[in-house]
């Protein structure tokens, strides 16, 4: 689920889930380097030819553990601190969003605000977005802000793909469109865009605009709920998205929470909710 880059898998530590909810450590197998032909050294094996070694001695032992077809496999937990207030780890794109939710919740719990705010950690965004849709069918919110940062385009291999730079502020997806068999995406309504710009100016926070093709988020489907709600995508920029070792800048992370707080504090019942 979510699109896994196959070239990072061989030799990678993982955890394999069972039907009773237990997880077992394992590793994607690979040929010993000295056994590889010249062609194999330059080739990435597809997922269909890979296997995971959990130390079991037989297929029967694997099945007795409750590991069956359809059980989940996840990256090993990984975390490392880098230079210049940057961190590297598994699932950092999701973890940064949750960290922002905690930051926002802490502020709102101490400060009166006019808007009713629902803070939701959603699931299945990379699968079918049903986590966010089910939450909205309970909350019936008037608008939605999705905390999902843009992939930074500041590494040597991504020059020219976008203008998002790690450490230069909060990323804002002005427009996203999947275009891979899914005709869906989101454009920020003008009222939300202008309120975000004003909030950023008031808080002295830089925003980095992006127009993204080949990607979408929960907002693509949230905007279709109820009678249609305005939606905004923003968040902490990251590098190496979907890999086992994503990188973010903690200054960007802090500013993301601060900008959402400023955005919320400026909302009241008079805010225009037109989608365009």
Protein backbone atom coordinates (compact mmCIF):
# COMPACT_ATOMS: atom_id res chain seq x y z
CA UNK A 1 0.00 0.00 0.00
CA UNK A 2 1.11 3.53 -0.65
CA UNK A 3 3.66 2.87 -3.34
CA UNK A 4 6.89 1.25 -2.15
CA UNK A 5 10.14 1.90 -4.10
CA UNK A 6 11.27 -1.62 -4.94
CA UNK A 7 14.92 -0.67 -5.32
CA UNK A 8 15.30 0.00 -1.58
CA UNK A 9 13.88 -3.33 -0.41
CA UNK A 10 16.57 -5.99 -0.78
CA UNK A 11 18.49 -6.36 2.48
CA UNK A 12 15.98 -4.09 4.23
CA UNK A 13 14.76 -4.94 7.72
CA UNK A 14 10.99 -5.24 8.07
CA UNK A 15 8.29 -6.55 10.39
CA UNK A 16 5.79 -9.10 9.16
CA UNK A 17 2.29 -9.10 10.62
CA UNK A 18 0.17 -12.14 11.44
CA UNK A 19 -3.58 -12.58 11.53
CA UNK A 20 -3.59 -12.45 15.33
CA UNK A 21 -1.93 -9.02 15.35
CA UNK A 22 1.62 -10.04 16.24
CA UNK A 23 4.61 -8.79 14.25
CA UNK A 24 7.76 -10.76 13.55
CA UNK A 25 11.16 -9.30 12.57
CA UNK A 26 12.43 -10.17 9.14
CA UNK A 27 14.59 -9.04 6.26
CA UNK A 28 14.15 -8.94 2.50
CA UNK A 29 16.50 -11.58 1.15
CA UNK A 30 19.07 -10.99 -1.55
CA UNK A 31 21.88 -12.87 -3.21
CA UNK A 32 25.28 -12.52 -1.62
CA UNK A 33 27.23 -9.83 -3.45
CA UNK A 34 29.89 -12.34 -4.49
CA UNK A 35 27.25 -14.53 -6.13
CA UNK A 36 25.84 -11.77 -8.33
CA UNK A 37 26.63 -11.61 -12.02
CA UNK A 38 27.71 -8.29 -13.53
CA UNK A 39 24.21 -7.74 -14.90
CA UNK A 40 22.55 -8.59 -11.58
CA UNK A 41 24.66 -6.01 -9.74
CA UNK A 42 23.03 -3.26 -11.79
CA UNK A 43 19.49 -4.66 -11.75
CA UNK A 44 16.62 -4.01 -9.35
CA UNK A 45 14.47 -7.07 -8.76
CA UNK A 46 10.73 -6.55 -8.89
CA UNK A 47 8.52 -7.19 -5.89
CA UNK A 48 7.24 -10.41 -7.45
CA UNK A 49 10.67 -12.02 -7.25
CA UNK A 50 11.51 -10.95 -3.70
CA UNK A 51 11.08 -12.87 -0.46
CA UNK A 52 11.25 -12.13 3.27
CA UNK A 53 13.31 -14.22 5.68
CA UNK A 54 11.90 -14.33 9.24
CA UNK A 55 14.13 -17.20 10.30
CA UNK A 56 11.45 -19.87 9.84
CA UNK A 57 12.57 -23.33 8.80
CA UNK A 58 9.50 -24.22 6.76
CA UNK A 59 6.33 -22.87 5.16
CA UNK A 60 4.37 -24.79 7.79
CA UNK A 61 6.10 -22.89 10.58
CA UNK A 62 5.19 -19.59 8.91
CA UNK A 63 1.52 -20.58 8.64
CA UNK A 64 1.45 -21.78 12.25
CA UNK A 65 2.46 -18.26 13.28
CA UNK A 66 -0.68 -16.97 11.56
CA UNK A 67 1.21 -15.39 8.65
CA UNK A 68 -0.92 -15.82 5.56
CA UNK A 69 -1.40 -14.23 2.16
CA UNK A 70 -2.61 -10.67 2.72
CA UNK A 71 -0.80 -10.07 6.02
CA UNK A 72 0.96 -6.68 6.27
CA UNK A 73 4.68 -5.98 6.00
CA UNK A 74 6.10 -2.71 7.35
CA UNK A 75 9.51 -1.08 7.46
CA UNK A 76 11.54 -1.48 10.63
CA UNK A 77 11.31 1.55 12.90
CA UNK A 78 14.24 3.85 12.22
CA UNK A 79 15.29 7.26 13.55
CA UNK A 80 18.46 9.32 13.30
CA UNK A 81 19.34 12.96 14.01
CA UNK A 82 21.21 14.75 11.22
CA UNK A 83 22.99 18.09 11.00
CA UNK A 84 21.21 21.46 11.09
CA UNK A 85 18.10 20.40 13.06
CA UNK A 86 17.15 17.74 10.54
CA UNK A 87 15.97 14.23 11.31
CA UNK A 88 15.76 11.03 9.30
CA UNK A 89 13.48 8.06 9.86
CA UNK A 90 10.77 5.73 8.73
CA UNK A 91 7.25 7.14 8.23
CA UNK A 92 8.45 10.67 9.01
CA UNK A 93 5.90 12.17 6.61
CA UNK A 94 3.08 10.71 8.71
CA UNK A 95 4.83 11.28 12.04
CA UNK A 96 5.38 14.96 11.25
CA UNK A 97 1.65 15.43 10.68
CA UNK A 98 0.86 13.81 14.02
CA UNK A 99 3.47 15.97 15.74
CA UNK A 100 1.78 19.07 14.28
CA UNK A 101 -1.61 17.85 15.54
CA UNK A 102 -0.16 17.54 19.04
CA UNK A 103 1.34 21.04 18.81
CA UNK A 104 -1.98 22.48 17.64
CA UNK A 105 -3.97 20.60 20.30
CA UNK A 106 -1.68 21.89 23.04
CA UNK A 107 -2.15 25.50 21.95
CA UNK A 108 -5.92 25.27 21.47
CA UNK A 109 -6.37 23.63 24.87
CA UNK A 110 -4.86 26.72 26.49
CA UNK A 111 -6.28 29.48 24.30
CA UNK A 112 -9.92 30.38 23.52
CA UNK A 113 -10.84 30.17 19.83
CA UNK A 114 -14.05 30.79 17.92
CA UNK A 115 -13.94 27.84 15.51
CA UNK A 116 -14.86 24.29 16.44
CA UNK A 117 -11.79 22.22 15.56
CA UNK A 118 -11.56 18.48 14.95
CA UNK A 119 -8.04 17.04 15.01
CA UNK A 120 -7.99 13.70 13.21
CA UNK A 121 -5.16 11.26 12.56
CA UNK A 122 -6.46 9.47 9.50
CA UNK A 123 -5.66 6.06 8.04
CA UNK A 124 -5.84 4.57 4.53
CA UNK A 125 -4.88 7.82 2.77
CA UNK A 126 -2.61 5.88 0.44
CA UNK A 127 -5.22 3.20 -0.19
CA UNK A 128 -8.70 4.68 -0.61
CA UNK A 129 -8.95 7.68 1.77
CA UNK A 130 -11.79 6.05 3.67
CA UNK A 131 -10.32 7.07 7.03
CA UNK A 132 -10.76 10.78 6.31
CA UNK A 133 -14.14 10.30 4.65
CA UNK A 134 -15.53 8.35 7.62
CA UNK A 135 -14.24 11.02 10.01
CA UNK A 136 -15.97 13.75 8.01
CA UNK A 137 -19.24 11.82 8.01
CA UNK A 138 -19.10 12.03 11.81
CA UNK A 139 -17.74 15.57 12.21
CA UNK A 140 -19.51 17.33 9.28
CA UNK A 141 -16.83 20.00 9.31
CA UNK A 142 -17.22 23.11 7.14
CA UNK A 143 -13.66 22.94 5.78
CA UNK A 144 -10.60 20.71 5.98
CA UNK A 145 -6.86 21.28 6.24
CA UNK A 146 -4.74 18.26 5.35
CA UNK A 147 -1.28 18.18 6.93
CA UNK A 148 0.77 16.44 4.27
CA UNK A 149 3.95 18.15 3.18
CA UNK A 150 5.29 18.33 -0.34
CA UNK A 151 8.27 16.32 -1.46
CA UNK A 152 11.20 18.72 -1.57
CA UNK A 153 12.85 19.23 -4.96
CA UNK A 154 16.21 20.43 -3.63
CA UNK A 155 18.35 17.30 -4.02
CA UNK A 156 20.66 16.90 -7.06
CA UNK A 157 18.43 14.29 -8.68
CA UNK A 158 15.26 16.42 -8.44
CA UNK A 159 16.47 19.81 -9.65
CA UNK A 160 13.71 21.55 -11.58
CA UNK A 161 10.84 19.34 -10.39
CA UNK A 162 9.52 21.93 -7.92
CA UNK A 163 10.74 24.91 -5.90
CA UNK A 164 10.28 23.41 -2.41
CA UNK A 165 13.46 23.52 -0.29
CA UNK A 166 14.01 21.86 3.06
CA UNK A 167 14.36 24.45 5.83
CA UNK A 168 12.76 27.27 3.82
CA UNK A 169 9.27 27.13 5.28
CA UNK A 170 5.88 25.42 5.13
CA UNK A 171 4.90 23.77 1.84
CA UNK A 172 1.47 24.53 0.38
CA UNK A 173 -0.04 22.53 -2.47
CA UNK A 174 -1.88 25.13 -4.51
CA UNK A 175 -2.99 22.38 -6.87
CA UNK A 176 -2.59 18.62 -7.03
CA UNK A 177 -3.79 16.09 -9.57
CA UNK A 178 -3.25 12.35 -9.58
CA UNK A 179 -3.53 11.64 -13.28
CA UNK A 180 -2.58 7.96 -12.94
CA UNK A 181 -5.94 6.43 -13.68
CA UNK A 182 -7.60 8.51 -10.95
CA UNK A 183 -9.21 11.71 -12.16
CA UNK A 184 -9.04 13.53 -8.87
CA UNK A 185 -7.14 16.22 -7.03
CA UNK A 186 -7.64 19.46 -5.15
CA UNK A 187 -7.31 23.19 -5.80
CA UNK A 188 -7.28 25.58 -2.85
CA UNK A 189 -10.38 27.81 -2.91
CA UNK A 190 -9.52 31.50 -3.15
CA UNK A 191 -10.92 32.36 0.30
CA UNK A 192 -8.78 29.73 2.03
CA UNK A 193 -5.72 30.70 -0.01
CA UNK A 194 -6.02 34.37 0.89
CA UNK A 195 -6.65 33.58 4.57
CA UNK A 196 -3.58 31.35 4.61
CA UNK A 197 -1.45 34.07 3.00
CA UNK A 198 -2.67 36.61 5.57
CA UNK A 199 -2.04 34.14 8.42
CA UNK A 200 1.50 33.49 7.18
CA UNK A 201 2.19 37.22 6.92
CA UNK A 202 0.84 37.87 10.42
CA UNK A 203 2.96 35.08 11.88
CA UNK A 204 6.07 35.91 9.86
CA UNK A 205 6.18 32.42 8.37
CA UNK A 206 7.41 31.69 4.86
CA UNK A 207 5.26 29.49 2.64
CA UNK A 208 6.50 27.52 -0.34
CA UNK A 209 3.96 27.05 -3.11
CA UNK A 210 3.81 23.86 -5.12
CA UNK A 211 1.69 22.58 -8.00
CA UNK A 212 1.85 18.79 -7.85
CA UNK A 213 1.11 16.28 -10.58
CA UNK A 214 1.03 12.55 -9.97
CA UNK A 215 -0.08 12.94 -6.35
CA UNK A 216 -3.14 13.60 -4.26
CA UNK A 217 -4.22 13.45 -0.62
CA UNK A 218 -7.30 13.00 1.54
CA UNK A 219 -8.60 16.35 0.32
CA UNK A 220 -9.33 14.90 -3.13
CA UNK A 221 -12.18 12.96 -1.57
CA UNK A 222 -12.99 15.14 1.44
CA UNK A 223 -13.98 17.97 -0.90
CA UNK A 224 -16.81 15.76 -2.22
CA UNK A 225 -18.34 15.06 1.20
CA UNK A 226 -21.65 16.55 2.36
CA UNK A 227 -22.47 19.35 -0.11
CA UNK A 228 -18.81 19.86 -0.92
CA UNK A 229 -16.32 21.45 1.48
CA UNK A 230 -13.29 23.69 0.77
CA UNK A 231 -9.97 21.96 1.40
CA UNK A 232 -6.33 22.92 1.76
CA UNK A 233 -3.15 20.81 1.56
CA UNK A 234 -0.09 22.02 3.47
CA UNK A 235 2.60 20.62 5.71
CA UNK A 236 6.26 19.94 6.45
CA UNK A 237 8.37 19.35 3.33
CA UNK A 238 10.21 16.04 3.21
CA UNK A 239 12.87 14.24 1.21
CA UNK A 240 12.84 10.58 0.09
CA UNK A 241 9.10 10.12 0.54
CA UNK A 242 7.88 6.51 0.94
CA UNK A 243 11.42 5.29 1.56
CA UNK A 244 12.54 3.75 4.90
CA UNK A 245 14.55 6.89 5.67
CA UNK A 246 12.66 10.14 5.05
CA UNK A 247 14.18 13.49 6.05
CA UNK A 248 12.58 16.68 7.37
CA UNK A 249 13.79 19.92 8.92
CA UNK A 250 12.50 20.47 12.47
CA UNK A 251 12.25 24.22 11.88
CA UNK A 252 9.76 23.55 9.06
CA UNK A 253 7.86 21.21 11.35
CA UNK A 254 7.54 23.82 14.08
CA UNK A 255 6.44 26.50 11.61
CA UNK A 256 3.80 24.20 10.12
CA UNK A 257 2.04 23.91 13.48
CA UNK A 258 2.37 27.63 14.13
CA UNK A 259 0.86 28.50 10.74
CA UNK A 260 -2.13 26.21 11.23
CA UNK A 261 -2.69 27.75 14.66
CA UNK A 262 -2.65 31.26 13.17
CA UNK A 263 -5.03 30.10 10.44
CA UNK A 264 -7.46 28.65 13.01
CA UNK A 265 -7.34 31.65 15.32
CA UNK A 266 -8.44 33.88 12.46
CA UNK A 267 -11.59 31.86 11.71
CA UNK A 268 -15.10 32.66 12.86
CA UNK A 269 -18.65 32.10 11.65
CA UNK A 270 -18.35 34.92 9.10
CA UNK A 271 -15.66 33.14 7.07
CA UNK A 272 -16.89 32.63 3.47
CA UNK A 273 -17.05 28.94 2.64
CA UNK A 274 -17.48 29.18 -1.14
CA UNK A 275 -15.34 26.55 -2.84
CA UNK A 276 -14.26 28.85 -5.68
